[in-house]
Amino acid sequence: MAVDNHLDSCFRYIYNVYITYITMNTVINFKTEPKVKAQAQKLAAEMGLDLSDVLNVALRNFVQNKIVYINLGKDAQPGPWLVKAIGAGKKEIKAKKLSPAFKDAKSAVKWLKS
């Protein structure tokens, strides 16, 4: 029974993708590194997909869920600006230069101006 439900949902998804694919007529251009594009095209082809299909799924997921999934990998390092901002924040925390809680916007603005 579970297999039948799974197959039904797969067929519904395929049907929806097919209908959607037929009606698409907008082109989005964006820049990426040539190496990344080539790797993505190769991986998509290995999965039996076109890179456009992969990007459409990602775009639809973004619109439906209002979430961007970013995985920078285990070797990713923050840029110089972020390192500097984190350092400044740590110094402020250490010096106890923290904002108090405010009951209203006026008192927050007053504190910021002081």
C-alpha atoms as a PDB file:
ATOM      1  CA  MET A   1       0.000   0.000   0.000  1.00  0.00           C
ATOM      2  CA  ALA A   2       2.811   2.444   0.886  1.00  0.00           C
ATOM      3  CA  VAL A   3       4.518   1.670  -2.429  1.00  0.00           C
ATOM      4  CA  ASP A   4       1.306   2.455  -4.329  1.00  0.00           C
ATOM      5  CA  ASN A   5       0.979   5.802  -2.533  1.00  0.00           C
ATOM      6  CA  HIS A   6       4.607   6.605  -3.278  1.00  0.00           C
ATOM      7  CA  LEU A   7       4.158   5.740  -6.959  1.00  0.00           C
ATOM      8  CA  ASP A   8       0.993   7.842  -7.123  1.00  0.00           C
ATOM      9  CA  SER A   9       2.812  10.834  -5.672  1.00  0.00           C
ATOM     10  CA  CYS A  10       5.723  10.287  -8.080  1.00  0.00           C
ATOM     11  CA  PHE A  11       3.389  10.168 -11.075  1.00  0.00           C
ATOM     12  CA  ARG A  12       1.573  13.292  -9.861  1.00  0.00           C
ATOM     13  CA  TYR A  13       4.936  15.060  -9.505  1.00  0.00           C
ATOM     14  CA  ILE A  14       6.067  13.968 -12.974  1.00  0.00           C
ATOM     15  CA  TYR A  15       2.737  15.113 -14.450  1.00  0.00           C
ATOM     16  CA  ASN A  16       3.027  18.492 -12.693  1.00  0.00           C
ATOM     17  CA  VAL A  17       6.625  18.931 -13.838  1.00  0.00           C
ATOM     18  CA  TYR A  18       5.640  18.007 -17.412  1.00  0.00           C
ATOM     19  CA  ILE A  19       2.728  20.461 -17.486  1.00  0.00           C
ATOM     20  CA  THR A  20       4.833  23.176 -15.863  1.00  0.00           C
ATOM     21  CA  TYR A  21       7.702  22.572 -18.282  1.00  0.00           C
ATOM     22  CA  ILE A  22       5.421  23.004 -21.276  1.00  0.00           C
ATOM     23  CA  THR A  23       4.111  26.358 -20.024  1.00  0.00           C
ATOM     24  CA  MET A  24       7.432  27.934 -18.995  1.00  0.00           C
ATOM     25  CA  ASN A  25       8.583  30.782 -21.172  1.00  0.00           C
ATOM     26  CA  THR A  26      10.678  33.098 -18.968  1.00  0.00           C
ATOM     27  CA  VAL A  27      14.453  33.160 -19.169  1.00  0.00           C
ATOM     28  CA  ILE A  28      16.611  34.066 -16.161  1.00  0.00           C
ATOM     29  CA  ASN A  29      20.276  34.854 -16.743  1.00  0.00           C
ATOM     30  CA  PHE A  30      22.802  34.816 -13.938  1.00  0.00           C
ATOM     31  CA  LYS A  31      26.563  34.611 -13.626  1.00  0.00           C
ATOM     32  CA  THR A  32      28.508  31.725 -12.141  1.00  0.00           C
ATOM     33  CA  GLU A  33      31.988  30.326 -12.467  1.00  0.00           C
ATOM     34  CA  PRO A  34      32.490  28.256 -15.646  1.00  0.00           C
ATOM     35  CA  LYS A  35      33.877  25.353 -13.605  1.00  0.00           C
ATOM     36  CA  VAL A  36      30.789  25.299 -11.345  1.00  0.00           C
ATOM     37  CA  LYS A  37      28.487  25.390 -14.373  1.00  0.00           C
ATOM     38  CA  ALA A  38      30.312  22.511 -16.050  1.00  0.00           C
ATOM     39  CA  GLN A  39      30.254  20.429 -12.858  1.00  0.00           C
ATOM     40  CA  ALA A  40      26.544  21.131 -12.348  1.00  0.00           C
ATOM     41  CA  GLN A  41      25.710  20.235 -15.960  1.00  0.00           C
ATOM     42  CA  LYS A  42      27.666  16.988 -15.681  1.00  0.00           C
ATOM     43  CA  LEU A  43      25.991  16.001 -12.406  1.00  0.00           C
ATOM     44  CA  ALA A  44      22.531  16.889 -13.716  1.00  0.00           C
ATOM     45  CA  ALA A  45      23.153  14.815 -16.870  1.00  0.00           C
ATOM     46  CA  GLU A  46      24.262  11.863 -14.731  1.00  0.00           C
ATOM     47  CA  MET A  47      20.900  12.122 -12.965  1.00  0.00           C
ATOM     48  CA  GLY A  48      19.044  12.297 -16.267  1.00  0.00           C
ATOM     49  CA  LEU A  49      18.236  15.975 -15.840  1.00  0.00           C
ATOM     50  CA  ASP A  50      18.938  19.208 -17.616  1.00  0.00           C
ATOM     51  CA  LEU A  51      20.623  21.985 -15.605  1.00  0.00           C
ATOM     52  CA  SER A  52      17.517  24.081 -16.232  1.00  0.00           C
ATOM     53  CA  ASP A  53      15.419  21.409 -14.462  1.00  0.00           C
ATOM     54  CA  VAL A  54      17.720  21.503 -11.426  1.00  0.00           C
ATOM     55  CA  LEU A  55      17.610  25.293 -11.243  1.00  0.00           C
ATOM     56  CA  ASN A  56      13.815  25.334 -11.629  1.00  0.00           C
ATOM     57  CA  VAL A  57      13.397  22.875  -8.751  1.00  0.00           C
ATOM     58  CA  ALA A  58      15.683  25.031  -6.582  1.00  0.00           C
ATOM     59  CA  LEU A  59      13.799  28.202  -7.557  1.00  0.00           C
ATOM     60  CA  ARG A  60      10.406  26.630  -6.853  1.00  0.00           C
ATOM     61  CA  ASN A  61      11.648  25.348  -3.487  1.00  0.00           C
ATOM     62  CA  PHE A  62      12.849  28.862  -2.634  1.00  0.00           C
ATOM     63  CA  VAL A  63       9.482  30.414  -3.535  1.00  0.00           C
ATOM     64  CA  GLN A  64       7.332  27.757  -1.828  1.00  0.00           C
ATOM     65  CA  ASN A  65       9.352  27.414   1.384  1.00  0.00           C
ATOM     66  CA  LYS A  66      10.923  30.891   1.590  1.00  0.00           C
ATOM     67  CA  ILE A  67      14.187  29.219   2.579  1.00  0.00           C
ATOM     68  CA  VAL A  68      17.612  29.196   0.963  1.00  0.00           C
ATOM     69  CA  TYR A  69      19.728  26.172   1.766  1.00  0.00           C
ATOM     70  CA  ILE A  70      23.398  27.063   1.792  1.00  0.00           C
ATOM     71  CA  ASN A  71      26.032  24.436   2.449  1.00  0.00           C
ATOM     72  CA  LEU A  72      29.485  25.936   2.236  1.00  0.00           C
ATOM     73  CA  GLY A  73      31.207  22.666   3.069  1.00  0.00           C
ATOM     74  CA  LYS A  74      33.579  21.765   5.847  1.00  0.00           C
ATOM     75  CA  ASP A  75      36.489  23.777   4.418  1.00  0.00           C
ATOM     76  CA  ALA A  76      34.617  27.073   3.997  1.00  0.00           C
ATOM     77  CA  GLN A  77      36.139  30.124   5.652  1.00  0.00           C
ATOM     78  CA  PRO A  78      34.444  33.474   6.372  1.00  0.00           C
ATOM     79  CA  GLY A  79      35.643  36.467   4.407  1.00  0.00           C
ATOM     80  CA  PRO A  80      37.740  39.296   5.894  1.00  0.00           C
ATOM     81  CA  TRP A  81      34.734  41.554   6.498  1.00  0.00           C
ATOM     82  CA  LEU A  82      32.901  38.865   8.492  1.00  0.00           C
ATOM     83  CA  VAL A  83      36.028  37.972  10.507  1.00  0.00           C
ATOM     84  CA  LYS A  84      36.432  41.670  11.404  1.00  0.00           C
ATOM     85  CA  ALA A  85      32.742  42.026  12.341  1.00  0.00           C
ATOM     86  CA  ILE A  86      32.844  38.901  14.523  1.00  0.00           C
ATOM     87  CA  GLY A  87      35.997  40.183  16.246  1.00  0.00           C
ATOM     88  CA  ALA A  88      34.369  43.560  16.925  1.00  0.00           C
ATOM     89  CA  GLY A  89      31.293  41.835  18.319  1.00  0.00           C
ATOM     90  CA  LYS A  90      33.390  39.655  20.627  1.00  0.00           C
ATOM     91  CA  LYS A  91      35.206  42.766  21.932  1.00  0.00           C
ATOM     92  CA  GLU A  92      31.876  44.484  22.645  1.00  0.00           C
ATOM     93  CA  ILE A  93      30.583  41.419  24.492  1.00  0.00           C
ATOM     94  CA  LYS A  94      33.783  41.185  26.535  1.00  0.00           C
ATOM     95  CA  ALA A  95      33.573  44.902  27.412  1.00  0.00           C
ATOM     96  CA  LYS A  96      29.868  44.380  28.273  1.00  0.00           C
ATOM     97  CA  LYS A  97      28.833  47.008  25.711  1.00  0.00           C
ATOM     98  CA  LEU A  98      25.490  45.320  25.198  1.00  0.00           C
ATOM     99  CA  SER A  99      22.098  46.780  24.447  1.00  0.00           C
ATOM    100  CA  PRO A 100      19.541  46.563  27.250  1.00  0.00           C
ATOM    101  CA  ALA A 101      15.979  45.401  26.629  1.00  0.00           C
ATOM    102  CA  PHE A 102      13.586  48.196  25.632  1.00  0.00           C
ATOM    103  CA  LYS A 103       9.871  48.582  26.288  1.00  0.00           C
ATOM    104  CA  ASP A 104       9.309  50.857  23.303  1.00  0.00           C
ATOM    105  CA  ALA A 105      11.015  52.344  20.253  1.00  0.00           C
ATOM    106  CA  LYS A 106      11.492  55.801  21.805  1.00  0.00           C
ATOM    107  CA  SER A 107      13.677  54.467  24.610  1.00  0.00           C
ATOM    108  CA  ALA A 108      15.657  52.391  22.088  1.00  0.00           C
ATOM    109  CA  VAL A 109      16.335  55.451  19.928  1.00  0.00           C
ATOM    110  CA  LYS A 110      17.254  57.485  23.017  1.00  0.00           C
ATOM    111  CA  TRP A 111      19.766  54.804  24.064  1.00  0.00           C
ATOM    112  CA  LEU A 112      21.248  54.648  20.549  1.00  0.00           C
ATOM    113  CA  LYS A 113      21.737  58.424  20.471  1.00  0.00           C
ATOM    114  CA  SER A 114      23.441  58.503  23.876  1.00  0.00           C
END
